[in-house]
Amino acid sequence: MRLAKVIGTVVSSTKAPGYESRKILVVQPVDPKGNYIGTSFLAIDAVQAGVNDLVLTIEEGNSARQIIQDADAVTVKTVVAAIVDEIST
C-alpha cells in the first residue's frame, strides 16, 4: 500500500478492453505529512476519488483485481482503494 495524492486524470478517446468503464487517475506518492516523494504513476479509481484527494493505493495486480471485482482484468496493476480523511501519528 502507498499513500498518494491525486494530481490529475487521464482522458482518452479509446481504451483497451477492461478499461472502458474505468476512471484512470494520476497519483503522486506522499509521506504522512503530505510532502511529495518518488515518481507519479497511474491507478484505476475504485472509490470515486478526485484531484487533490489524499488516497491509499494498492500496487499488486491480484489485490487490485479483487478490489475492482474483475478477475479477468489482467492489465490492472494499481488501484486507488481508499480516500484518506485523516492521518494520526
N, C-alpha and C. Protein backbone atom coordinates (compact mmCIF):
# COMPACT_ATOMS: atom_id res chain seq x y z
N MET A 1 0.84 -1.18 0.00
CA MET A 1 0.00 0.00 0.00
C MET A 1 0.88 1.24 0.00
N ARG A 2 0.37 2.28 -0.62
CA ARG A 2 1.12 3.53 -0.68
C ARG A 2 0.16 4.71 -0.55
N LEU A 3 0.56 5.68 0.25
CA LEU A 3 -0.18 6.91 0.41
C LEU A 3 0.15 7.82 -0.76
N ALA A 4 -0.87 8.45 -1.37
CA ALA A 4 -0.62 9.29 -2.54
C ALA A 4 -1.66 10.40 -2.61
N LYS A 5 -1.36 11.41 -3.43
CA LYS A 5 -2.30 12.50 -3.69
C LYS A 5 -2.67 12.44 -5.17
N VAL A 6 -3.96 12.59 -5.46
CA VAL A 6 -4.41 12.61 -6.85
C VAL A 6 -4.03 13.95 -7.45
N ILE A 7 -3.23 13.92 -8.52
CA ILE A 7 -2.78 15.17 -9.15
C ILE A 7 -3.35 15.37 -10.54
N GLY A 8 -4.11 14.40 -11.04
CA GLY A 8 -4.70 14.57 -12.36
C GLY A 8 -5.51 13.35 -12.78
N THR A 9 -6.15 13.48 -13.93
CA THR A 9 -6.92 12.38 -14.51
C THR A 9 -6.43 12.13 -15.93
N VAL A 10 -6.68 10.94 -16.42
CA VAL A 10 -6.31 10.58 -17.78
C VAL A 10 -7.57 10.60 -18.63
N VAL A 11 -7.53 11.33 -19.73
CA VAL A 11 -8.65 11.39 -20.67
C VAL A 11 -8.20 10.69 -21.95
N SER A 12 -8.99 9.71 -22.39
CA SER A 12 -8.64 9.01 -23.63
C SER A 12 -9.91 8.70 -24.41
N SER A 13 -9.81 8.80 -25.72
CA SER A 13 -10.97 8.54 -26.57
C SER A 13 -11.13 7.05 -26.85
N THR A 14 -10.06 6.30 -26.75
CA THR A 14 -10.10 4.86 -26.98
C THR A 14 -9.34 4.16 -25.86
N LYS A 15 -9.95 3.10 -25.32
CA LYS A 15 -9.30 2.34 -24.25
C LYS A 15 -9.32 0.86 -24.60
N ALA A 16 -8.34 0.13 -24.09
CA ALA A 16 -8.29 -1.32 -24.27
C ALA A 16 -9.43 -1.97 -23.50
N PRO A 17 -9.83 -3.17 -23.92
CA PRO A 17 -10.88 -3.89 -23.19
C PRO A 17 -10.53 -4.00 -21.71
N GLY A 18 -11.52 -3.79 -20.86
CA GLY A 18 -11.31 -3.82 -19.43
C GLY A 18 -11.11 -2.44 -18.83
N TYR A 19 -10.77 -1.47 -19.67
CA TYR A 19 -10.57 -0.10 -19.20
C TYR A 19 -11.73 0.82 -19.57
N GLU A 20 -12.63 0.38 -20.45
CA GLU A 20 -13.66 1.27 -21.00
C GLU A 20 -14.46 2.01 -19.93
N SER A 21 -14.86 1.34 -18.89
CA SER A 21 -15.70 1.98 -17.88
C SER A 21 -14.92 2.41 -16.64
N ARG A 22 -13.61 2.46 -16.75
CA ARG A 22 -12.76 2.77 -15.59
C ARG A 22 -12.18 4.18 -15.69
N LYS A 23 -12.18 4.89 -14.55
CA LYS A 23 -11.51 6.19 -14.47
C LYS A 23 -10.06 5.94 -14.08
N ILE A 24 -9.14 6.58 -14.81
CA ILE A 24 -7.72 6.43 -14.54
C ILE A 24 -7.20 7.74 -13.96
N LEU A 25 -6.52 7.64 -12.83
CA LEU A 25 -6.00 8.82 -12.13
C LEU A 25 -4.48 8.86 -12.18
N VAL A 26 -3.94 10.08 -12.16
CA VAL A 26 -2.51 10.29 -11.98
C VAL A 26 -2.31 10.58 -10.50
N VAL A 27 -1.49 9.77 -9.83
CA VAL A 27 -1.28 9.94 -8.40
C VAL A 27 0.20 10.14 -8.10
N GLN A 28 0.47 10.92 -7.07
CA GLN A 28 1.83 11.25 -6.64
C GLN A 28 2.02 10.73 -5.22
N PRO A 29 2.98 9.82 -5.00
CA PRO A 29 3.22 9.35 -3.63
C PRO A 29 3.57 10.51 -2.70
N VAL A 30 3.10 10.41 -1.46
CA VAL A 30 3.38 11.43 -0.44
C VAL A 30 3.75 10.73 0.87
N ASP A 31 4.44 11.48 1.74
CA ASP A 31 4.70 10.97 3.08
C ASP A 31 3.51 11.34 3.97
N PRO A 32 3.47 10.89 5.22
CA PRO A 32 2.32 11.19 6.08
C PRO A 32 2.07 12.68 6.31
N LYS A 33 3.08 13.52 6.07
CA LYS A 33 2.90 14.97 6.22
C LYS A 33 2.43 15.63 4.92
N GLY A 34 2.29 14.85 3.85
CA GLY A 34 1.81 15.38 2.59
C GLY A 34 2.89 15.84 1.63
N ASN A 35 4.16 15.62 1.97
CA ASN A 35 5.26 16.00 1.09
C ASN A 35 5.40 15.00 -0.05
N TYR A 36 5.54 15.51 -1.28
CA TYR A 36 5.71 14.62 -2.43
C TYR A 36 7.00 13.83 -2.30
N ILE A 37 6.92 12.53 -2.62
CA ILE A 37 8.10 11.67 -2.66
C ILE A 37 7.98 10.77 -3.89
N GLY A 38 9.08 10.36 -4.45
CA GLY A 38 9.05 9.43 -5.56
C GLY A 38 8.47 10.01 -6.84
N THR A 39 8.04 9.11 -7.71
CA THR A 39 7.56 9.45 -9.04
C THR A 39 6.06 9.18 -9.15
N SER A 40 5.35 10.04 -9.86
CA SER A 40 3.91 9.85 -10.05
C SER A 40 3.65 8.60 -10.90
N PHE A 41 2.44 8.06 -10.78
CA PHE A 41 2.07 6.88 -11.54
C PHE A 41 0.56 6.88 -11.78
N LEU A 42 0.09 5.94 -12.59
CA LEU A 42 -1.33 5.83 -12.92
C LEU A 42 -1.99 4.76 -12.07
N ALA A 43 -3.27 4.97 -11.75
CA ALA A 43 -4.03 4.00 -10.97
C ALA A 43 -5.49 4.02 -11.39
N ILE A 44 -6.12 2.86 -11.38
CA ILE A 44 -7.55 2.75 -11.62
C ILE A 44 -8.28 3.22 -10.36
N ASP A 45 -9.31 4.04 -10.54
CA ASP A 45 -10.07 4.58 -9.40
C ASP A 45 -11.21 3.63 -9.04
N ALA A 46 -11.20 3.13 -7.79
CA ALA A 46 -12.27 2.26 -7.31
C ALA A 46 -13.17 2.94 -6.29
N VAL A 47 -12.87 4.22 -5.95
CA VAL A 47 -13.59 4.87 -4.85
C VAL A 47 -14.11 6.27 -5.19
N GLN A 48 -14.13 6.63 -6.45
CA GLN A 48 -14.61 7.95 -6.89
C GLN A 48 -13.77 9.09 -6.31
N ALA A 49 -12.46 8.92 -6.31
CA ALA A 49 -11.54 9.96 -5.84
C ALA A 49 -11.45 11.07 -6.88
N GLY A 50 -11.01 12.24 -6.44
CA GLY A 50 -10.85 13.37 -7.34
C GLY A 50 -9.52 14.06 -7.13
N VAL A 51 -9.23 15.01 -8.00
CA VAL A 51 -7.98 15.76 -7.91
C VAL A 51 -7.87 16.40 -6.53
N ASN A 52 -6.69 16.33 -5.95
CA ASN A 52 -6.32 16.84 -4.62
C ASN A 52 -6.73 15.92 -3.48
N ASP A 53 -7.42 14.82 -3.74
CA ASP A 53 -7.74 13.87 -2.67
C ASP A 53 -6.48 13.13 -2.24
N LEU A 54 -6.39 12.86 -0.95
CA LEU A 54 -5.35 12.00 -0.39
C LEU A 54 -5.91 10.59 -0.43
N VAL A 55 -5.17 9.65 -1.03
CA VAL A 55 -5.70 8.31 -1.25
C VAL A 55 -4.70 7.24 -0.82
N LEU A 56 -5.22 6.03 -0.70
CA LEU A 56 -4.40 4.86 -0.45
C LEU A 56 -4.43 4.01 -1.70
N THR A 57 -3.26 3.68 -2.23
CA THR A 57 -3.19 2.86 -3.44
C THR A 57 -2.68 1.46 -3.10
N ILE A 58 -3.14 0.50 -3.88
CA ILE A 58 -2.67 -0.88 -3.80
C ILE A 58 -1.93 -1.15 -5.10
N GLU A 59 -0.69 -1.59 -5.01
CA GLU A 59 0.14 -1.79 -6.20
C GLU A 59 0.50 -3.26 -6.39
N GLU A 60 -0.48 -4.09 -6.41
CA GLU A 60 -0.27 -5.51 -6.64
C GLU A 60 -1.45 -6.00 -7.46
N GLY A 61 -1.17 -6.58 -8.60
CA GLY A 61 -2.21 -6.91 -9.57
C GLY A 61 -3.37 -7.72 -9.05
N ASN A 62 -3.11 -8.82 -8.35
CA ASN A 62 -4.20 -9.67 -7.87
C ASN A 62 -5.09 -8.93 -6.89
N SER A 63 -4.50 -8.21 -5.95
CA SER A 63 -5.29 -7.42 -4.99
C SER A 63 -6.09 -6.35 -5.71
N ALA A 64 -5.48 -5.69 -6.69
CA ALA A 64 -6.16 -4.65 -7.45
C ALA A 64 -7.38 -5.22 -8.17
N ARG A 65 -7.23 -6.38 -8.80
CA ARG A 65 -8.35 -7.00 -9.50
C ARG A 65 -9.47 -7.38 -8.53
N GLN A 66 -9.12 -7.83 -7.32
CA GLN A 66 -10.14 -8.16 -6.33
C GLN A 66 -10.90 -6.92 -5.88
N ILE A 67 -10.20 -5.81 -5.72
CA ILE A 67 -10.85 -4.57 -5.28
C ILE A 67 -11.84 -4.07 -6.32
N ILE A 68 -11.45 -4.13 -7.60
CA ILE A 68 -12.38 -3.67 -8.64
C ILE A 68 -13.34 -4.77 -9.06
N GLN A 69 -13.24 -5.93 -8.42
CA GLN A 69 -14.13 -7.07 -8.63
C GLN A 69 -14.17 -7.50 -10.09
N ASP A 70 -12.98 -7.67 -10.67
CA ASP A 70 -12.88 -8.10 -12.06
C ASP A 70 -11.67 -9.02 -12.19
N ALA A 71 -11.89 -10.31 -11.98
CA ALA A 71 -10.80 -11.28 -12.01
C ALA A 71 -10.15 -11.39 -13.38
N ASP A 72 -10.85 -10.97 -14.44
CA ASP A 72 -10.30 -11.07 -15.79
C ASP A 72 -9.54 -9.82 -16.22
N ALA A 73 -9.44 -8.81 -15.37
CA ALA A 73 -8.75 -7.56 -15.72
C ALA A 73 -7.25 -7.75 -15.55
N VAL A 74 -6.66 -8.53 -16.43
CA VAL A 74 -5.25 -8.91 -16.29
C VAL A 74 -4.29 -7.74 -16.43
N THR A 75 -4.72 -6.63 -17.00
CA THR A 75 -3.83 -5.49 -17.19
C THR A 75 -3.84 -4.51 -16.02
N VAL A 76 -4.62 -4.78 -14.98
CA VAL A 76 -4.69 -3.87 -13.84
C VAL A 76 -3.59 -4.21 -12.85
N LYS A 77 -2.76 -3.22 -12.53
CA LYS A 77 -1.71 -3.40 -11.53
C LYS A 77 -1.95 -2.56 -10.29
N THR A 78 -2.41 -1.32 -10.48
CA THR A 78 -2.53 -0.39 -9.35
C THR A 78 -3.95 0.17 -9.29
N VAL A 79 -4.48 0.24 -8.07
CA VAL A 79 -5.84 0.74 -7.88
C VAL A 79 -5.87 1.70 -6.68
N VAL A 80 -6.72 2.72 -6.79
CA VAL A 80 -6.98 3.59 -5.64
C VAL A 80 -8.06 2.89 -4.82
N ALA A 81 -7.70 2.49 -3.58
CA ALA A 81 -8.58 1.67 -2.76
C ALA A 81 -9.31 2.44 -1.67
N ALA A 82 -8.83 3.65 -1.32
CA ALA A 82 -9.47 4.40 -0.24
C ALA A 82 -9.16 5.88 -0.38
N ILE A 83 -10.09 6.71 0.07
CA ILE A 83 -9.85 8.15 0.22
C ILE A 83 -9.54 8.36 1.70
N VAL A 84 -8.40 8.97 1.98
CA VAL A 84 -7.94 9.15 3.36
C VAL A 84 -8.50 10.46 3.90
N ASP A 85 -9.20 10.39 5.02
CA ASP A 85 -9.76 11.57 5.66
C ASP A 85 -8.77 12.22 6.62
N GLU A 86 -8.01 11.40 7.33
CA GLU A 86 -7.12 11.93 8.36
C GLU A 86 -6.01 10.92 8.65
N ILE A 87 -4.84 11.44 9.01
CA ILE A 87 -3.72 10.59 9.44
C ILE A 87 -3.33 11.02 10.84
N SER A 88 -3.29 10.08 11.77
CA SER A 88 -2.85 10.36 13.14
C SER A 88 -1.52 9.66 13.37
N THR A 89 -0.56 10.39 13.91
CA THR A 89 0.75 9.77 14.20
C THR A 89 1.11 9.94 15.65
